[in-house]
C-alpha atoms as a PDB file:
ATOM      1  CA  UNK A   1     -60.474 -52.191 191.637  1.00  0.00           C
ATOM      2  CA  UNK A   2     -57.502 -54.598 190.672  1.00  0.00           C
ATOM      3  CA  UNK A   3     -57.779 -56.106 186.833  1.00  0.00           C
ATOM      4  CA  UNK A   4     -55.742 -59.093 186.336  1.00  0.00           C
ATOM      5  CA  UNK A   5     -54.644 -59.985 182.978  1.00  0.00           C
ATOM      6  CA  UNK A   6     -51.328 -62.463 181.422  1.00  0.00           C
ATOM      7  CA  UNK A   7     -52.761 -66.312 182.419  1.00  0.00           C
ATOM      8  CA  UNK A   8     -52.956 -69.033 179.533  1.00  0.00           C
ATOM      9  CA  UNK A   9     -52.503 -71.949 177.899  1.00  0.00           C
ATOM     10  CA  UNK A  10     -48.490 -73.071 179.249  1.00  0.00           C
ATOM     11  CA  UNK A  11     -45.910 -76.218 178.821  1.00  0.00           C
ATOM     12  CA  UNK A  12     -43.503 -77.696 182.238  1.00  0.00           C
ATOM     13  CA  UNK A  13     -41.573 -75.534 182.275  1.00  0.00           C
ATOM     14  CA  UNK A  14     -42.388 -72.979 180.312  1.00  0.00           C
ATOM     15  CA  UNK A  15     -42.868 -68.605 181.841  1.00  0.00           C
ATOM     16  CA  UNK A  16     -45.945 -66.798 182.164  1.00  0.00           C
ATOM     17  CA  UNK A  17     -46.191 -62.935 183.349  1.00  0.00           C
ATOM     18  CA  UNK A  18     -49.625 -61.538 185.487  1.00  0.00           C
ATOM     19  CA  UNK A  19     -50.087 -58.178 185.602  1.00  0.00           C
ATOM     20  CA  UNK A  20     -52.746 -56.264 187.796  1.00  0.00           C
ATOM     21  CA  UNK A  21     -53.580 -52.542 187.261  1.00  0.00           C
ATOM     22  CA  UNK A  22     -55.613 -50.891 189.914  1.00  0.00           C
ATOM     23  CA  UNK A  23     -58.177 -48.602 188.904  1.00  0.00           C
ATOM     24  CA  UNK A  24     -60.201 -46.123 190.289  1.00  0.00           C
ATOM     25  CA  UNK A  25     -60.459 -45.580 193.572  1.00  0.00           C
ATOM     26  CA  UNK A  26     -57.793 -47.103 195.926  1.00  0.00           C
ATOM     27  CA  UNK A  27     -55.281 -45.779 193.725  1.00  0.00           C
ATOM     28  CA  UNK A  28     -55.301 -43.255 197.124  1.00  0.00           C
ATOM     29  CA  UNK A  29     -53.932 -46.026 198.786  1.00  0.00           C
ATOM     30  CA  UNK A  30     -52.004 -47.715 196.170  1.00  0.00           C
ATOM     31  CA  UNK A  31     -48.347 -46.939 197.136  1.00  0.00           C
ATOM     32  CA  UNK A  32     -48.998 -47.450 201.003  1.00  0.00           C
ATOM     33  CA  UNK A  33     -50.555 -51.155 200.365  1.00  0.00           C
ATOM     34  CA  UNK A  34     -48.675 -54.559 199.958  1.00  0.00           C
ATOM     35  CA  UNK A  35     -50.267 -56.605 197.742  1.00  0.00           C
ATOM     36  CA  UNK A  36     -49.710 -60.225 196.918  1.00  0.00           C
ATOM     37  CA  UNK A  37     -51.446 -62.664 193.975  1.00  0.00           C
ATOM     38  CA  UNK A  38     -53.460 -65.325 194.758  1.00  0.00           C
ATOM     39  CA  UNK A  39     -53.700 -68.665 193.709  1.00  0.00           C
ATOM     40  CA  UNK A  40     -56.150 -71.125 193.702  1.00  0.00           C
ATOM     41  CA  UNK A  41     -56.372 -74.882 192.300  1.00  0.00           C
ATOM     42  CA  UNK A  42     -59.629 -76.309 191.942  1.00  0.00           C
ATOM     43  CA  UNK A  43     -60.104 -78.649 195.571  1.00  0.00           C
ATOM     44  CA  UNK A  44     -58.118 -76.070 196.805  1.00  0.00           C
ATOM     45  CA  UNK A  45     -58.065 -73.216 199.169  1.00  0.00           C
ATOM     46  CA  UNK A  46     -56.845 -69.838 198.008  1.00  0.00           C
ATOM     47  CA  UNK A  47     -53.007 -69.051 199.401  1.00  0.00           C
ATOM     48  CA  UNK A  48     -50.400 -66.858 199.373  1.00  0.00           C
ATOM     49  CA  UNK A  49     -48.189 -67.044 196.377  1.00  0.00           C
ATOM     50  CA  UNK A  50     -46.291 -63.860 196.713  1.00  0.00           C
ATOM     51  CA  UNK A  51     -46.290 -60.295 198.357  1.00  0.00           C
ATOM     52  CA  UNK A  52     -44.867 -57.369 197.870  1.00  0.00           C
ATOM     53  CA  UNK A  53     -44.601 -53.981 200.349  1.00  0.00           C
ATOM     54  CA  UNK A  54     -44.909 -50.589 199.478  1.00  0.00           C
ATOM     55  CA  UNK A  55     -40.912 -49.724 199.361  1.00  0.00           C
ATOM     56  CA  UNK A  56     -40.431 -53.933 196.919  1.00  0.00           C
ATOM     57  CA  UNK A  57     -39.989 -55.982 200.850  1.00  0.00           C
ATOM     58  CA  UNK A  58     -41.093 -59.455 198.475  1.00  0.00           C
ATOM     59  CA  UNK A  59     -42.341 -63.035 199.897  1.00  0.00           C
ATOM     60  CA  UNK A  60     -42.575 -65.772 198.415  1.00  0.00           C
ATOM     61  CA  UNK A  61     -44.656 -68.953 199.372  1.00  0.00           C
ATOM     62  CA  UNK A  62     -41.830 -72.026 199.626  1.00  0.00           C
ATOM     63  CA  UNK A  63     -43.534 -73.855 196.304  1.00  0.00           C
ATOM     64  CA  UNK A  64     -42.364 -70.732 194.476  1.00  0.00           C
ATOM     65  CA  UNK A  65     -39.182 -69.864 195.818  1.00  0.00           C
ATOM     66  CA  UNK A  66     -36.533 -68.880 193.430  1.00  0.00           C
ATOM     67  CA  UNK A  67     -39.237 -69.330 190.242  1.00  0.00           C
ATOM     68  CA  UNK A  68     -41.188 -66.565 190.452  1.00  0.00           C
ATOM     69  CA  UNK A  69     -40.375 -62.303 190.956  1.00  0.00           C
ATOM     70  CA  UNK A  70     -42.797 -60.128 191.659  1.00  0.00           C
ATOM     71  CA  UNK A  71     -42.792 -56.965 191.161  1.00  0.00           C
ATOM     72  CA  UNK A  72     -44.726 -53.468 192.287  1.00  0.00           C
ATOM     73  CA  UNK A  73     -44.418 -50.092 189.775  1.00  0.00           C
ATOM     74  CA  UNK A  74     -46.135 -48.303 192.225  1.00  0.00           C
ATOM     75  CA  UNK A  75     -46.310 -44.602 189.314  1.00  0.00           C
ATOM     76  CA  UNK A  76     -48.157 -47.202 186.675  1.00  0.00           C
ATOM     77  CA  UNK A  77     -50.744 -49.165 189.716  1.00  0.00           C
ATOM     78  CA  UNK A  78     -49.056 -52.643 188.537  1.00  0.00           C
ATOM     79  CA  UNK A  79     -47.784 -55.072 189.762  1.00  0.00           C
ATOM     80  CA  UNK A  80     -46.390 -58.437 188.057  1.00  0.00           C
ATOM     81  CA  UNK A  81     -45.470 -61.260 188.885  1.00  0.00           C
ATOM     82  CA  UNK A  82     -43.018 -63.217 187.042  1.00  0.00           C
ATOM     83  CA  UNK A  83     -43.520 -67.614 186.991  1.00  0.00           C
ATOM     84  CA  UNK A  84     -40.675 -68.970 185.181  1.00  0.00           C
ATOM     85  CA  UNK A  85     -39.826 -73.284 185.740  1.00  0.00           C
ATOM     86  CA  UNK A  86     -43.838 -73.775 185.249  1.00  0.00           C
ATOM     87  CA  UNK A  87     -45.276 -76.900 186.692  1.00  0.00           C
ATOM     88  CA  UNK A  88     -48.590 -79.119 186.596  1.00  0.00           C
ATOM     89  CA  UNK A  89     -49.427 -78.109 189.922  1.00  0.00           C
ATOM     90  CA  UNK A  90     -48.663 -74.393 189.541  1.00  0.00           C
ATOM     91  CA  UNK A  91     -51.944 -75.023 187.760  1.00  0.00           C
ATOM     92  CA  UNK A  92     -54.518 -71.975 189.404  1.00  0.00           C
ATOM     93  CA  UNK A  93     -56.795 -69.307 188.701  1.00  0.00           C
ATOM     94  CA  UNK A  94     -54.283 -66.156 189.987  1.00  0.00           C
ATOM     95  CA  UNK A  95     -55.692 -63.131 191.879  1.00  0.00           C
ATOM     96  CA  UNK A  96     -54.182 -60.185 192.717  1.00  0.00           C
ATOM     97  CA  UNK A  97     -55.325 -57.854 195.558  1.00  0.00           C
ATOM     98  CA  UNK A  98     -54.216 -55.529 199.456  1.00  0.00           C
ATOM     99  CA  UNK A  99     -53.236 -58.483 202.098  1.00  0.00           C
ATOM    100  CA  UNK A 100     -55.983 -58.223 204.122  1.00  0.00           C
ATOM    101  CA  UNK A 101     -58.690 -57.205 201.579  1.00  0.00           C
ATOM    102  CA  UNK A 102     -61.684 -59.222 201.315  1.00  0.00           C
ATOM    103  CA  UNK A 103     -62.776 -58.455 197.799  1.00  0.00           C
ATOM    104  CA  UNK A 104     -61.793 -60.346 195.397  1.00  0.00           C
ATOM    105  CA  UNK A 105     -61.383 -59.879 191.478  1.00  0.00           C
ATOM    106  CA  UNK A 106     -62.409 -62.466 188.045  1.00  0.00           C
ATOM    107  CA  UNK A 107     -58.745 -63.754 188.695  1.00  0.00           C
ATOM    108  CA  UNK A 108     -57.183 -64.854 185.138  1.00  0.00           C
ATOM    109  CA  UNK A 109     -57.560 -68.632 184.053  1.00  0.00           C
ATOM    110  CA  UNK A 110     -53.019 -70.327 184.889  1.00  0.00           C
ATOM    111  CA  UNK A 111     -52.756 -73.694 183.167  1.00  0.00           C
ATOM    112  CA  UNK A 112     -49.317 -75.811 183.239  1.00  0.00           C
ATOM    113  CA  UNK A 113     -49.306 -78.864 181.313  1.00  0.00           C
ATOM    114  CA  UNK A 114     -48.379 -80.927 178.355  1.00  0.00           C
END
């Protein structure tokens, strides 16, 4: 089970740090899994925001490059998404997941508004 947290309301230009904690049976393969953060805005399809491999290689959507940073700590079974210079268009429900998995958690709401 993956549990997301850290969302909230922030003004444009602000920052948030999202966390994703892995619990239970997923831990047995966690170190090898590529993990990703995704987001779903109202009226839009879910999209990939950033991914990180078990070895720490990262990939980002063009819309967040230079503003967001994904990282992980395998011993703590946690993946983070540091979001800086937030824009209103970043408003969405953010989810973390194993890349390729279709078993989604509840996500965490991020709202960027003045």
